[in-house]
Amino acid sequence: MTPPAAVCLGESMAALLPDRPGPLERAESFHPGFGGPESDVACTLAALGVPAAWISRVGADGFGRQLVRRIAAHGVDTSAVGYDESRPTGLYLKETGSGQEHPYDLGAGRTRLHYYRRGSAASAMGPELLAEPAAAALLAAAPLIHLTGVTPALSDSCHRLVRTLLAVPDKLVSFDLNWRPALWAGRDRQALRFLMNASGIVLLGADEAREVLGTDDPAALRKLLPRPTVLVLKDEAHRATSIARDGSTVCEPALRVAPVEPTGAGGAFAAGYLAGTLRNLTEPQRLRLGHLAAAAALTTRGELGELPPAALIERLLAADEAGWAATTVDGAGFHPAAVG
């Protein structure tokens, strides 16, 4: 297999997806899936033509074997994924609102994930993982390591693992805040500031920045996080702004999207931006590629979106401001209009 350009490390969980929207008690059957911010990034990088690997642990059970097989089917190198004989694969159920009359309906377009991950195989990962031959080989080959704020919240050993990876020399480390309040309950959230400040690329939503760091002001964020090469601040459906070390900013508006489901957009944006970084695109094009990947995720049911053809991606990356602004995205795909 081609050596990876990016290694993504973190937990992916098996998913049970109901056969219909609405409260879970109305579901008649469930079909299997998988999800995790790091494996989602790896899959989207692979879809964008970037060789990617995913490192993790799963249980030696059917859920674990299936999700590893499904991730590998997206072209991701899973050779360093280990199977734990004593701990299970994490599991979550997805619930989607139907908008119909029911006391427990979430409401049309809203989604809730129900997690069953305590004591999972991935939560037992620690720094010793990095000495395993398969993981060591992948990490040595890849110029980029991608992490999120989920992993250090899983356990103390996972936190030590992330800190160890941040100290690996001569690697570009990207860190997506991916704020999960429930996971950080009882833990020192200020640890996230240290982890972000030790990274090369930091991605975070404006709402996450306000909650974790107390501000979403670009200049204030740069004072709090002076070391990363770039901060990428995502303002939901409006815009994304990159903030360089000297405080200079580049801003790109998001595409106009009619969302089908919100799950997975953050990881998709990260993958698009990182793919642009590895391809040495200009900063506006990196942000645009993030927006394109996020739009694909927003208009697809499930974690992973269907990206537009490569020729259309290149066309949109090269579009003038008017052509970019005129492009719309919905469940039927991407609709460029008068792209310049």
C-alpha atoms as a PDB file:
ATOM      1  CA  MET A   1       0.000   0.000   0.000  1.00  0.00           C
ATOM      2  CA  THR A   2       1.162   3.563  -0.720  1.00  0.00           C
ATOM      3  CA  PRO A   3       2.824   5.173   2.309  1.00  0.00           C
ATOM      4  CA  PRO A   4       0.356   7.491   4.022  1.00  0.00           C
ATOM      5  CA  ALA A   5       0.566  11.251   3.746  1.00  0.00           C
ATOM      6  CA  ALA A   6      -1.584  11.505   6.875  1.00  0.00           C
ATOM      7  CA  VAL A   7      -2.111   9.322   9.925  1.00  0.00           C
ATOM      8  CA  CYS A   8      -5.335   9.848  11.875  1.00  0.00           C
ATOM      9  CA  LEU A   9      -5.455   8.413  15.404  1.00  0.00           C
ATOM     10  CA  GLY A  10      -8.548   8.038  17.562  1.00  0.00           C
ATOM     11  CA  GLU A  11     -11.592   5.966  18.372  1.00  0.00           C
ATOM     12  CA  SER A  12     -14.127   4.887  15.795  1.00  0.00           C
ATOM     13  CA  MET A  13     -17.296   3.222  16.997  1.00  0.00           C
ATOM     14  CA  ALA A  14     -19.779   0.839  15.523  1.00  0.00           C
ATOM     15  CA  ALA A  15     -23.111   2.512  14.817  1.00  0.00           C
ATOM     16  CA  LEU A  16     -26.677   1.301  14.763  1.00  0.00           C
ATOM     17  CA  LEU A  17     -28.803   3.418  12.434  1.00  0.00           C
ATOM     18  CA  PRO A  18     -32.601   3.177  12.649  1.00  0.00           C
ATOM     19  CA  ASP A  19     -34.638   2.360   9.581  1.00  0.00           C
ATOM     20  CA  ARG A  20     -36.676   5.575   9.852  1.00  0.00           C
ATOM     21  CA  PRO A  21     -36.529   9.037  11.413  1.00  0.00           C
ATOM     22  CA  GLY A  22     -38.331   9.576  14.681  1.00  0.00           C
ATOM     23  CA  PRO A  23     -37.956   8.418  18.293  1.00  0.00           C
ATOM     24  CA  LEU A  24     -35.944   5.231  18.744  1.00  0.00           C
ATOM     25  CA  GLU A  25     -38.929   3.420  20.208  1.00  0.00           C
ATOM     26  CA  ARG A  26     -40.588   3.647  16.790  1.00  0.00           C
ATOM     27  CA  ALA A  27     -37.691   2.009  14.941  1.00  0.00           C
ATOM     28  CA  GLU A  28     -38.428  -1.481  13.672  1.00  0.00           C
ATOM     29  CA  SER A  29     -34.881  -2.344  12.622  1.00  0.00           C
ATOM     30  CA  PHE A  30     -31.367  -0.937  12.588  1.00  0.00           C
ATOM     31  CA  HIS A  31     -28.578  -1.210  10.041  1.00  0.00           C
ATOM     32  CA  PRO A  32     -24.873  -1.094  10.834  1.00  0.00           C
ATOM     33  CA  GLY A  33     -22.508   1.779  10.276  1.00  0.00           C
ATOM     34  CA  PHE A  34     -19.465   3.344  11.851  1.00  0.00           C
ATOM     35  CA  GLY A  35     -18.308   6.743  12.932  1.00  0.00           C
ATOM     36  CA  GLY A  36     -15.492   8.602  14.600  1.00  0.00           C
ATOM     37  CA  PRO A  37     -14.005  12.021  13.826  1.00  0.00           C
ATOM     38  CA  GLU A  38     -10.531  10.681  13.076  1.00  0.00           C
ATOM     39  CA  SER A  39     -11.587   7.740  10.905  1.00  0.00           C
ATOM     40  CA  ASP A  40     -14.040  10.050   9.101  1.00  0.00           C
ATOM     41  CA  VAL A  41     -11.157  12.407   8.301  1.00  0.00           C
ATOM     42  CA  ALA A  42      -9.067   9.482   7.060  1.00  0.00           C
ATOM     43  CA  CYS A  43     -11.883   8.272   4.796  1.00  0.00           C
ATOM     44  CA  THR A  44     -12.493  11.744   3.364  1.00  0.00           C
ATOM     45  CA  LEU A  45      -8.771  12.313   2.801  1.00  0.00           C
ATOM     46  CA  ALA A  46      -8.653   9.042   0.871  1.00  0.00           C
ATOM     47  CA  ALA A  47     -11.671  10.124  -1.188  1.00  0.00           C
ATOM     48  CA  LEU A  48      -9.780  13.329  -2.021  1.00  0.00           C
ATOM     49  CA  GLY A  49      -6.818  11.319  -3.267  1.00  0.00           C
ATOM     50  CA  VAL A  50      -4.620  11.690  -0.168  1.00  0.00           C
ATOM     51  CA  PRO A  51      -3.165   8.374   1.103  1.00  0.00           C
ATOM     52  CA  ALA A  52      -4.356   8.086   4.700  1.00  0.00           C
ATOM     53  CA  ALA A  53      -4.025   5.658   7.576  1.00  0.00           C
ATOM     54  CA  TRP A  54      -6.093   5.231  10.719  1.00  0.00           C
ATOM     55  CA  ILE A  55      -4.641   3.930  13.991  1.00  0.00           C
ATOM     56  CA  SER A  56      -6.875   2.753  16.811  1.00  0.00           C
ATOM     57  CA  ARG A  57      -8.050  -0.168  18.921  1.00  0.00           C
ATOM     58  CA  VAL A  58     -11.327  -2.065  18.629  1.00  0.00           C
ATOM     59  CA  GLY A  59     -12.730  -5.042  20.442  1.00  0.00           C
ATOM     60  CA  ALA A  60     -12.091  -8.536  19.126  1.00  0.00           C
ATOM     61  CA  ASP A  61     -15.772  -8.721  18.266  1.00  0.00           C
ATOM     62  CA  GLY A  62     -18.034  -8.561  15.250  1.00  0.00           C
ATOM     63  CA  PHE A  63     -18.619  -4.836  15.560  1.00  0.00           C
ATOM     64  CA  GLY A  64     -14.887  -4.149  15.589  1.00  0.00           C
ATOM     65  CA  ARG A  65     -14.090  -6.418  12.675  1.00  0.00           C
ATOM     66  CA  GLN A  66     -16.913  -4.942  10.637  1.00  0.00           C
ATOM     67  CA  LEU A  67     -16.038  -1.299  11.199  1.00  0.00           C
ATOM     68  CA  VAL A  68     -12.364  -1.899  10.387  1.00  0.00           C
ATOM     69  CA  ARG A  69     -13.410  -3.653   7.180  1.00  0.00           C
ATOM     70  CA  ARG A  70     -15.735  -0.784   6.241  1.00  0.00           C
ATOM     71  CA  ILE A  71     -13.093   1.871   6.891  1.00  0.00           C
ATOM     72  CA  ALA A  72     -10.536  -0.092   4.866  1.00  0.00           C
ATOM     73  CA  ALA A  73     -13.056  -0.273   2.024  1.00  0.00           C
ATOM     74  CA  HIS A  74     -12.786   3.523   1.736  1.00  0.00           C
ATOM     75  CA  GLY A  75      -9.117   3.132   0.839  1.00  0.00           C
ATOM     76  CA  VAL A  76      -7.735   3.797   4.327  1.00  0.00           C
ATOM     77  CA  ASP A  77      -4.706   1.886   5.625  1.00  0.00           C
ATOM     78  CA  THR A  78      -5.893   0.040   8.760  1.00  0.00           C
ATOM     79  CA  SER A  79      -2.801  -2.127   9.203  1.00  0.00           C
ATOM     80  CA  ALA A  80      -2.024  -0.638  12.642  1.00  0.00           C
ATOM     81  CA  VAL A  81      -5.486  -1.162  14.133  1.00  0.00           C
ATOM     82  CA  GLY A  82      -5.323  -3.598  17.040  1.00  0.00           C
ATOM     83  CA  TYR A  83      -7.951  -5.953  18.449  1.00  0.00           C
ATOM     84  CA  ASP A  84      -8.477  -6.052  22.222  1.00  0.00           C
ATOM     85  CA  GLU A  85      -9.582  -9.435  23.572  1.00  0.00           C
ATOM     86  CA  SER A  86     -10.807  -8.032  26.898  1.00  0.00           C
ATOM     87  CA  ARG A  87     -12.588  -4.790  25.975  1.00  0.00           C
ATOM     88  CA  PRO A  88     -15.486  -4.138  23.570  1.00  0.00           C
ATOM     89  CA  THR A  89     -15.801  -1.934  20.550  1.00  0.00           C
ATOM     90  CA  GLY A  90     -17.554   1.340  21.360  1.00  0.00           C
ATOM     91  CA  LEU A  91     -21.094   1.677  20.073  1.00  0.00           C
ATOM     92  CA  TYR A  92     -23.504   4.503  19.354  1.00  0.00           C
ATOM     93  CA  LEU A  93     -27.079   4.801  18.127  1.00  0.00           C
ATOM     94  CA  LYS A  94     -28.175   7.654  15.903  1.00  0.00           C
ATOM     95  CA  GLU A  95     -31.610   9.223  16.386  1.00  0.00           C
ATOM     96  CA  THR A  96     -33.015  11.666  13.829  1.00  0.00           C
ATOM     97  CA  GLY A  97     -36.107  13.796  14.298  1.00  0.00           C
ATOM     98  CA  SER A  98     -39.042  13.315  11.966  1.00  0.00           C
ATOM     99  CA  GLY A  99     -41.001  16.489  12.709  1.00  0.00           C
ATOM    100  CA  GLN A 100     -44.120  14.439  13.375  1.00  0.00           C
ATOM    101  CA  GLU A 101     -46.269  14.634  16.470  1.00  0.00           C
ATOM    102  CA  HIS A 102     -44.659  12.593  19.221  1.00  0.00           C
ATOM    103  CA  PRO A 103     -43.601  13.665  22.721  1.00  0.00           C
ATOM    104  CA  TYR A 104     -40.052  12.347  22.211  1.00  0.00           C
ATOM    105  CA  ASP A 105     -39.461  13.449  18.622  1.00  0.00           C
ATOM    106  CA  LEU A 106     -36.362  15.625  18.273  1.00  0.00           C
ATOM    107  CA  GLY A 107     -37.861  17.802  15.572  1.00  0.00           C
ATOM    108  CA  ALA A 108     -37.266  17.768  11.829  1.00  0.00           C
ATOM    109  CA  GLY A 109     -33.607  17.908  10.855  1.00  0.00           C
ATOM    110  CA  ARG A 110     -32.258  17.404  14.376  1.00  0.00           C
ATOM    111  CA  THR A 111     -29.966  14.525  15.288  1.00  0.00           C
ATOM    112  CA  ARG A 112     -28.839  12.994  18.575  1.00  0.00           C
ATOM    113  CA  LEU A 113     -26.150  10.373  19.101  1.00  0.00           C
ATOM    114  CA  HIS A 114     -26.469   7.965  22.026  1.00  0.00           C
ATOM    115  CA  TYR A 115     -23.018   6.717  23.073  1.00  0.00           C
ATOM    116  CA  TYR A 116     -22.078   3.425  24.739  1.00  0.00           C
ATOM    117  CA  ARG A 117     -18.306   3.712  24.923  1.00  0.00           C
ATOM    118  CA  ARG A 118     -17.236   3.501  28.572  1.00  0.00           C
ATOM    119  CA  GLY A 119     -14.444   0.933  28.958  1.00  0.00           C
ATOM    120  CA  SER A 120     -14.056   0.534  25.204  1.00  0.00           C
ATOM    121  CA  ALA A 121     -10.957  -0.913  23.584  1.00  0.00           C
ATOM    122  CA  ALA A 122      -9.893   2.485  22.259  1.00  0.00           C
ATOM    123  CA  SER A 123     -10.099   4.072  25.713  1.00  0.00           C
ATOM    124  CA  ALA A 124      -7.220   1.817  26.817  1.00  0.00           C
ATOM    125  CA  MET A 125      -4.799   3.182  24.204  1.00  0.00           C
ATOM    126  CA  GLY A 126      -1.609   4.682  25.615  1.00  0.00           C
ATOM    127  CA  PRO A 127       1.894   5.828  24.563  1.00  0.00           C
ATOM    128  CA  GLU A 128       3.076   2.214  24.308  1.00  0.00           C
ATOM    129  CA  LEU A 129       0.959   1.970  21.141  1.00  0.00           C
ATOM    130  CA  LEU A 130       3.534   4.061  19.310  1.00  0.00           C
ATOM    131  CA  ALA A 131       6.233   1.411  19.783  1.00  0.00           C
ATOM    132  CA  GLU A 132       4.219  -1.269  17.997  1.00  0.00           C
ATOM    133  CA  PRO A 133       5.873  -1.996  14.631  1.00  0.00           C
ATOM    134  CA  ALA A 134       2.854  -1.320  12.404  1.00  0.00           C
ATOM    135  CA  ALA A 135       2.005   1.985  14.098  1.00  0.00           C
ATOM    136  CA  ALA A 136       5.642   3.080  14.232  1.00  0.00           C
ATOM    137  CA  ALA A 137       6.059   2.433  10.506  1.00  0.00           C
ATOM    138  CA  LEU A 138       3.003   4.472   9.558  1.00  0.00           C
ATOM    139  CA  LEU A 139       3.937   7.364  11.825  1.00  0.00           C
ATOM    140  CA  ALA A 140       7.482   7.403  10.479  1.00  0.00           C
ATOM    141  CA  ALA A 141       6.220   7.597   6.885  1.00  0.00           C
ATOM    142  CA  ALA A 142       3.532  10.257   7.225  1.00  0.00           C
ATOM    143  CA  PRO A 143       4.346  13.984   7.312  1.00  0.00           C
ATOM    144  CA  LEU A 144       0.986  14.776   8.978  1.00  0.00           C
ATOM    145  CA  ILE A 145      -0.623  13.419  12.151  1.00  0.00           C
ATOM    146  CA  HIS A 146      -4.267  14.293  12.804  1.00  0.00           C
ATOM    147  CA  LEU A 147      -5.790  14.277  16.294  1.00  0.00           C
ATOM    148  CA  THR A 148      -8.938  15.578  17.955  1.00  0.00           C
ATOM    149  CA  GLY A 149     -10.051  16.693  21.397  1.00  0.00           C
ATOM    150  CA  VAL A 150     -12.096  13.512  21.757  1.00  0.00           C
ATOM    151  CA  THR A 151      -9.146  11.184  22.283  1.00  0.00           C
ATOM    152  CA  PRO A 152      -7.556  12.861  25.343  1.00  0.00           C
ATOM    153  CA  ALA A 153     -10.954  12.869  27.055  1.00  0.00           C
ATOM    154  CA  LEU A 154     -11.387   9.095  26.810  1.00  0.00           C
ATOM    155  CA  SER A 155      -8.923   8.222  29.593  1.00  0.00           C
ATOM    156  CA  ASP A 156      -5.708   9.321  31.273  1.00  0.00           C
ATOM    157  CA  SER A 157      -3.725   6.903  29.111  1.00  0.00           C
ATOM    158  CA  CYS A 158      -5.275   8.356  25.945  1.00  0.00           C
ATOM    159  CA  HIS A 159      -4.374  11.840  27.179  1.00  0.00           C
ATOM    160  CA  ARG A 160      -0.752  10.746  27.619  1.00  0.00           C
ATOM    161  CA  LEU A 161      -0.815   9.235  24.142  1.00  0.00           C
ATOM    162  CA  VAL A 162      -1.907  12.527  22.591  1.00  0.00           C
ATOM    163  CA  ARG A 163       0.748  14.487  24.485  1.00  0.00           C
ATOM    164  CA  THR A 164       3.386  12.025  23.295  1.00  0.00           C
ATOM    165  CA  LEU A 165       2.287  12.415  19.672  1.00  0.00           C
ATOM    166  CA  LEU A 166       2.448  16.188  19.961  1.00  0.00           C
ATOM    167  CA  ALA A 167       6.115  15.862  20.896  1.00  0.00           C
ATOM    168  CA  VAL A 168       7.076  13.746  17.865  1.00  0.00           C
ATOM    169  CA  PRO A 169       9.779  15.728  16.009  1.00  0.00           C
ATOM    170  CA  ASP A 170       9.545  16.843  12.392  1.00  0.00           C
ATOM    171  CA  LYS A 171       5.818  16.177  12.064  1.00  0.00           C
ATOM    172  CA  LEU A 172       2.985  18.530  11.266  1.00  0.00           C
ATOM    173  CA  VAL A 173       0.247  17.822  13.808  1.00  0.00           C
ATOM    174  CA  SER A 174      -3.292  19.021  13.222  1.00  0.00           C
ATOM    175  CA  PHE A 175      -5.702  19.156  16.152  1.00  0.00           C
ATOM    176  CA  ASP A 176      -9.455  19.544  15.739  1.00  0.00           C
ATOM    177  CA  LEU A 177     -10.973  20.713  19.027  1.00  0.00           C
ATOM    178  CA  ASN A 178     -14.143  18.666  18.444  1.00  0.00           C
ATOM    179  CA  TRP A 179     -15.549  19.769  21.801  1.00  0.00           C
ATOM    180  CA  ARG A 180     -17.626  17.114  23.587  1.00  0.00           C
ATOM    181  CA  PRO A 181     -18.783  18.529  26.946  1.00  0.00           C
ATOM    182  CA  ALA A 182     -20.045  15.184  28.257  1.00  0.00           C
ATOM    183  CA  LEU A 183     -16.635  13.575  27.762  1.00  0.00           C
ATOM    184  CA  TRP A 184     -14.846  16.422  29.541  1.00  0.00           C
ATOM    185  CA  ALA A 185     -17.185  16.496  32.554  1.00  0.00           C
ATOM    186  CA  GLY A 186     -14.984  16.189  35.626  1.00  0.00           C
ATOM    187  CA  ARG A 187     -11.806  16.765  33.604  1.00  0.00           C
ATOM    188  CA  ASP A 188      -9.703  19.898  33.321  1.00  0.00           C
ATOM    189  CA  ARG A 189     -10.764  21.493  30.051  1.00  0.00           C
ATOM    190  CA  GLN A 190      -7.780  23.843  30.283  1.00  0.00           C
ATOM    191  CA  ALA A 191      -5.715  20.843  29.193  1.00  0.00           C
ATOM    192  CA  LEU A 192      -7.212  21.402  25.758  1.00  0.00           C
ATOM    193  CA  ARG A 193      -5.533  24.790  25.531  1.00  0.00           C
ATOM    194  CA  PHE A 194      -2.141  23.154  26.124  1.00  0.00           C
ATOM    195  CA  LEU A 195      -2.826  20.480  23.499  1.00  0.00           C
ATOM    196  CA  MET A 196      -3.984  22.990  20.905  1.00  0.00           C
ATOM    197  CA  ASN A 197      -1.035  25.283  21.560  1.00  0.00           C
ATOM    198  CA  ALA A 198       1.362  22.370  21.021  1.00  0.00           C
ATOM    199  CA  SER A 199      -0.103  21.634  17.570  1.00  0.00           C
ATOM    200  CA  GLY A 200       0.808  23.007  14.165  1.00  0.00           C
ATOM    201  CA  ILE A 201      -2.727  23.392  12.777  1.00  0.00           C
ATOM    202  CA  VAL A 202      -5.716  23.965  15.059  1.00  0.00           C
ATOM    203  CA  LEU A 203      -9.296  23.708  13.813  1.00  0.00           C
ATOM    204  CA  LEU A 204     -12.172  24.852  15.992  1.00  0.00           C
ATOM    205  CA  GLY A 205     -15.707  26.127  15.681  1.00  0.00           C
ATOM    206  CA  ALA A 206     -16.587  29.615  16.830  1.00  0.00           C
ATOM    207  CA  ASP A 207     -19.082  28.181  19.324  1.00  0.00           C
ATOM    208  CA  GLU A 208     -16.444  25.751  20.630  1.00  0.00           C
ATOM    209  CA  ALA A 209     -13.911  28.570  20.985  1.00  0.00           C
ATOM    210  CA  ARG A 210     -16.345  30.622  23.055  1.00  0.00           C
ATOM    211  CA  GLU A 211     -17.119  27.719  25.372  1.00  0.00           C
ATOM    212  CA  VAL A 212     -13.610  26.342  25.846  1.00  0.00           C
ATOM    213  CA  LEU A 213     -11.433  29.455  25.464  1.00  0.00           C
ATOM    214  CA  GLY A 214     -13.933  32.185  26.326  1.00  0.00           C
ATOM    215  CA  THR A 215     -13.715  34.028  23.002  1.00  0.00           C
ATOM    216  CA  ASP A 216     -14.047  33.645  19.255  1.00  0.00           C
ATOM    217  CA  ASP A 217     -12.206  36.871  18.452  1.00  0.00           C
ATOM    218  CA  PRO A 218      -9.308  36.046  16.102  1.00  0.00           C
ATOM    219  CA  ALA A 219      -6.825  38.386  17.791  1.00  0.00           C
ATOM    220  CA  ALA A 220      -7.752  37.137  21.250  1.00  0.00           C
ATOM    221  CA  LEU A 221      -7.465  33.523  20.136  1.00  0.00           C
ATOM    222  CA  ARG A 222      -3.990  34.206  18.781  1.00  0.00           C
ATOM    223  CA  LYS A 223      -2.918  35.538  22.171  1.00  0.00           C
ATOM    224  CA  LEU A 224      -4.235  32.413  23.849  1.00  0.00           C
ATOM    225  CA  LEU A 225      -2.726  30.094  21.230  1.00  0.00           C
ATOM    226  CA  PRO A 226       0.449  31.764  19.907  1.00  0.00           C
ATOM    227  CA  ARG A 227       2.418  28.668  18.808  1.00  0.00           C
ATOM    228  CA  PRO A 228       0.397  26.947  16.023  1.00  0.00           C
ATOM    229  CA  THR A 229       1.287  27.878  12.473  1.00  0.00           C
ATOM    230  CA  VAL A 230      -2.380  28.517  11.726  1.00  0.00           C
ATOM    231  CA  LEU A 231      -5.723  28.560  13.520  1.00  0.00           C
ATOM    232  CA  VAL A 232      -8.791  27.753  11.430  1.00  0.00           C
ATOM    233  CA  LEU A 233     -11.957  29.222  12.932  1.00  0.00           C
ATOM    234  CA  LYS A 234     -15.216  27.816  11.529  1.00  0.00           C
ATOM    235  CA  ASP A 235     -18.352  29.908  11.896  1.00  0.00           C
ATOM    236  CA  GLU A 236     -20.918  27.214  11.101  1.00  0.00           C
ATOM    237  CA  ALA A 237     -22.735  27.893   7.829  1.00  0.00           C
ATOM    238  CA  HIS A 238     -21.272  31.367   7.362  1.00  0.00           C
ATOM    239  CA  ARG A 239     -17.505  31.368   6.866  1.00  0.00           C
ATOM    240  CA  ALA A 240     -14.137  29.951   7.810  1.00  0.00           C
ATOM    241  CA  THR A 241     -11.193  32.132   8.785  1.00  0.00           C
ATOM    242  CA  SER A 242      -7.544  31.151   9.023  1.00  0.00           C
ATOM    243  CA  ILE A 243      -5.403  33.151  11.412  1.00  0.00           C
ATOM    244  CA  ALA A 244      -1.635  33.140  10.893  1.00  0.00           C
ATOM    245  CA  ARG A 245       0.948  33.610  13.636  1.00  0.00           C
ATOM    246  CA  ASP A 246       1.312  37.298  12.774  1.00  0.00           C
ATOM    247  CA  GLY A 247      -2.438  37.802  13.216  1.00  0.00           C
ATOM    248  CA  SER A 248      -3.211  38.165   9.516  1.00  0.00           C
ATOM    249  CA  THR A 249      -6.430  36.488   8.413  1.00  0.00           C
ATOM    250  CA  VAL A 250      -7.897  34.865   5.319  1.00  0.00           C
ATOM    251  CA  CYS A 251     -11.657  34.399   5.179  1.00  0.00           C
ATOM    252  CA  GLU A 252     -13.740  32.304   2.784  1.00  0.00           C
ATOM    253  CA  PRO A 253     -17.555  32.199   2.882  1.00  0.00           C
ATOM    254  CA  ALA A 254     -19.269  28.832   3.108  1.00  0.00           C
ATOM    255  CA  LEU A 255     -21.317  27.536   0.218  1.00  0.00           C
ATOM    256  CA  ARG A 256     -25.092  27.874   0.320  1.00  0.00           C
ATOM    257  CA  VAL A 257     -26.235  24.470   1.497  1.00  0.00           C
ATOM    258  CA  ALA A 258     -29.672  22.946   2.066  1.00  0.00           C
ATOM    259  CA  PRO A 259     -28.607  20.463   4.755  1.00  0.00           C
ATOM    260  CA  VAL A 260     -29.983  16.954   4.952  1.00  0.00           C
ATOM    261  CA  GLU A 261     -28.186  15.987   8.165  1.00  0.00           C
ATOM    262  CA  PRO A 262     -25.523  17.834  10.197  1.00  0.00           C
ATOM    263  CA  THR A 263     -23.445  14.866  11.365  1.00  0.00           C
ATOM    264  CA  GLY A 264     -19.909  14.658  10.032  1.00  0.00           C
ATOM    265  CA  ALA A 265     -19.497  18.153   8.586  1.00  0.00           C
ATOM    266  CA  GLY A 266     -16.741  19.178  10.996  1.00  0.00           C
ATOM    267  CA  GLY A 267     -14.535  16.208  10.212  1.00  0.00           C
ATOM    268  CA  ALA A 268     -15.177  16.636   6.496  1.00  0.00           C
ATOM    269  CA  PHE A 269     -14.096  20.271   6.654  1.00  0.00           C
ATOM    270  CA  ALA A 270     -10.914  19.259   8.477  1.00  0.00           C
ATOM    271  CA  ALA A 271     -10.141  16.647   5.819  1.00  0.00           C
ATOM    272  CA  GLY A 272     -10.674  19.131   3.000  1.00  0.00           C
ATOM    273  CA  TYR A 273      -8.471  21.750   4.622  1.00  0.00           C
ATOM    274  CA  LEU A 274      -5.735  19.221   5.384  1.00  0.00           C
ATOM    275  CA  ALA A 275      -5.886  17.812   1.846  1.00  0.00           C
ATOM    276  CA  GLY A 276      -5.398  21.338   0.552  1.00  0.00           C
ATOM    277  CA  THR A 277      -2.479  21.821   2.910  1.00  0.00           C
ATOM    278  CA  LEU A 278      -0.780  18.626   1.762  1.00  0.00           C
ATOM    279  CA  ARG A 279      -1.363  19.658  -1.858  1.00  0.00           C
ATOM    280  CA  ASN A 280       0.212  23.079  -1.164  1.00  0.00           C
ATOM    281  CA  LEU A 281      -2.898  24.931  -2.288  1.00  0.00           C
ATOM    282  CA  THR A 282      -3.276  28.596  -1.492  1.00  0.00           C
ATOM    283  CA  GLU A 283      -4.881  29.428   1.834  1.00  0.00           C
ATOM    284  CA  PRO A 284      -8.218  30.501   0.277  1.00  0.00           C
ATOM    285  CA  GLN A 285      -8.297  27.246  -1.701  1.00  0.00           C
ATOM    286  CA  ARG A 286      -7.600  25.209   1.438  1.00  0.00           C
ATOM    287  CA  LEU A 287     -10.585  26.824   3.112  1.00  0.00           C
ATOM    288  CA  ARG A 288     -12.721  26.287   0.020  1.00  0.00           C
ATOM    289  CA  LEU A 289     -11.809  22.611  -0.139  1.00  0.00           C
ATOM    290  CA  GLY A 290     -12.868  22.356   3.504  1.00  0.00           C
ATOM    291  CA  HIS A 291     -16.202  23.979   2.656  1.00  0.00           C
ATOM    292  CA  LEU A 292     -16.715  21.640  -0.305  1.00  0.00           C
ATOM    293  CA  ALA A 293     -16.129  18.524   1.783  1.00  0.00           C
ATOM    294  CA  ALA A 294     -18.360  19.841   4.582  1.00  0.00           C
ATOM    295  CA  ALA A 295     -21.149  20.601   2.114  1.00  0.00           C
ATOM    296  CA  ALA A 296     -20.980  17.032   0.807  1.00  0.00           C
ATOM    297  CA  ALA A 297     -21.310  15.706   4.370  1.00  0.00           C
ATOM    298  CA  LEU A 298     -24.210  18.025   5.151  1.00  0.00           C
ATOM    299  CA  THR A 299     -26.227  16.803   2.182  1.00  0.00           C
ATOM    300  CA  THR A 300     -25.749  13.068   2.733  1.00  0.00           C
ATOM    301  CA  ARG A 301     -27.364  10.848   5.343  1.00  0.00           C
ATOM    302  CA  GLY A 302     -24.589   9.216   7.315  1.00  0.00           C
ATOM    303  CA  GLU A 303     -21.111  10.224   8.399  1.00  0.00           C
ATOM    304  CA  LEU A 304     -19.440  10.419   5.000  1.00  0.00           C
ATOM    305  CA  GLY A 305     -20.554  12.640   2.177  1.00  0.00           C
ATOM    306  CA  GLU A 306     -20.319  11.968  -1.537  1.00  0.00           C
ATOM    307  CA  LEU A 307     -17.783  14.411  -2.944  1.00  0.00           C
ATOM    308  CA  PRO A 308     -18.352  16.049  -6.323  1.00  0.00           C
ATOM    309  CA  PRO A 309     -16.224  14.917  -9.280  1.00  0.00           C
ATOM    310  CA  ALA A 310     -12.583  15.992  -9.192  1.00  0.00           C
ATOM    311  CA  ALA A 311     -13.058  18.247 -12.227  1.00  0.00           C
ATOM    312  CA  LEU A 312     -15.866  20.137 -10.490  1.00  0.00           C
ATOM    313  CA  ILE A 313     -13.791  20.483  -7.326  1.00  0.00           C
ATOM    314  CA  GLU A 314     -10.946  22.025  -9.320  1.00  0.00           C
ATOM    315  CA  ARG A 315     -13.387  24.295 -11.129  1.00  0.00           C
ATOM    316  CA  LEU A 316     -14.828  25.578  -7.873  1.00  0.00           C
ATOM    317  CA  LEU A 317     -11.417  26.042  -6.275  1.00  0.00           C
ATOM    318  CA  ALA A 318     -10.484  28.277  -9.207  1.00  0.00           C
ATOM    319  CA  ALA A 319     -13.811  30.146  -9.333  1.00  0.00           C
ATOM    320  CA  ASP A 320     -13.972  33.879  -8.803  1.00  0.00           C
ATOM    321  CA  GLU A 321     -15.891  35.224  -5.798  1.00  0.00           C
ATOM    322  CA  ALA A 322     -19.127  35.566  -7.765  1.00  0.00           C
ATOM    323  CA  GLY A 323     -18.933  32.044  -9.130  1.00  0.00           C
ATOM    324  CA  TRP A 324     -18.233  30.606  -5.699  1.00  0.00           C
ATOM    325  CA  ALA A 325     -21.074  32.580  -4.123  1.00  0.00           C
ATOM    326  CA  ALA A 326     -23.509  31.459  -6.845  1.00  0.00           C
ATOM    327  CA  THR A 327     -22.895  27.755  -6.168  1.00  0.00           C
ATOM    328  CA  THR A 328     -25.547  25.902  -4.185  1.00  0.00           C
ATOM    329  CA  VAL A 329     -25.579  22.409  -2.692  1.00  0.00           C
ATOM    330  CA  ASP A 330     -28.495  20.164  -1.764  1.00  0.00           C
ATOM    331  CA  GLY A 331     -29.361  16.499  -1.575  1.00  0.00           C
ATOM    332  CA  ALA A 332     -29.175  16.249  -5.372  1.00  0.00           C
ATOM    333  CA  GLY A 333     -25.584  17.470  -5.480  1.00  0.00           C
ATOM    334  CA  PHE A 334     -23.553  20.566  -6.308  1.00  0.00           C
ATOM    335  CA  HIS A 335     -25.039  23.222  -8.581  1.00  0.00           C
ATOM    336  CA  PRO A 336     -22.464  25.711  -9.859  1.00  0.00           C
ATOM    337  CA  ALA A 337     -23.828  28.732 -11.641  1.00  0.00           C
ATOM    338  CA  ALA A 338     -21.765  30.979 -13.862  1.00  0.00           C
ATOM    339  CA  VAL A 339     -18.527  29.823 -12.285  1.00  0.00           C
ATOM    340  CA  GLY A 340     -15.718  32.182 -13.256  1.00  0.00           C
END
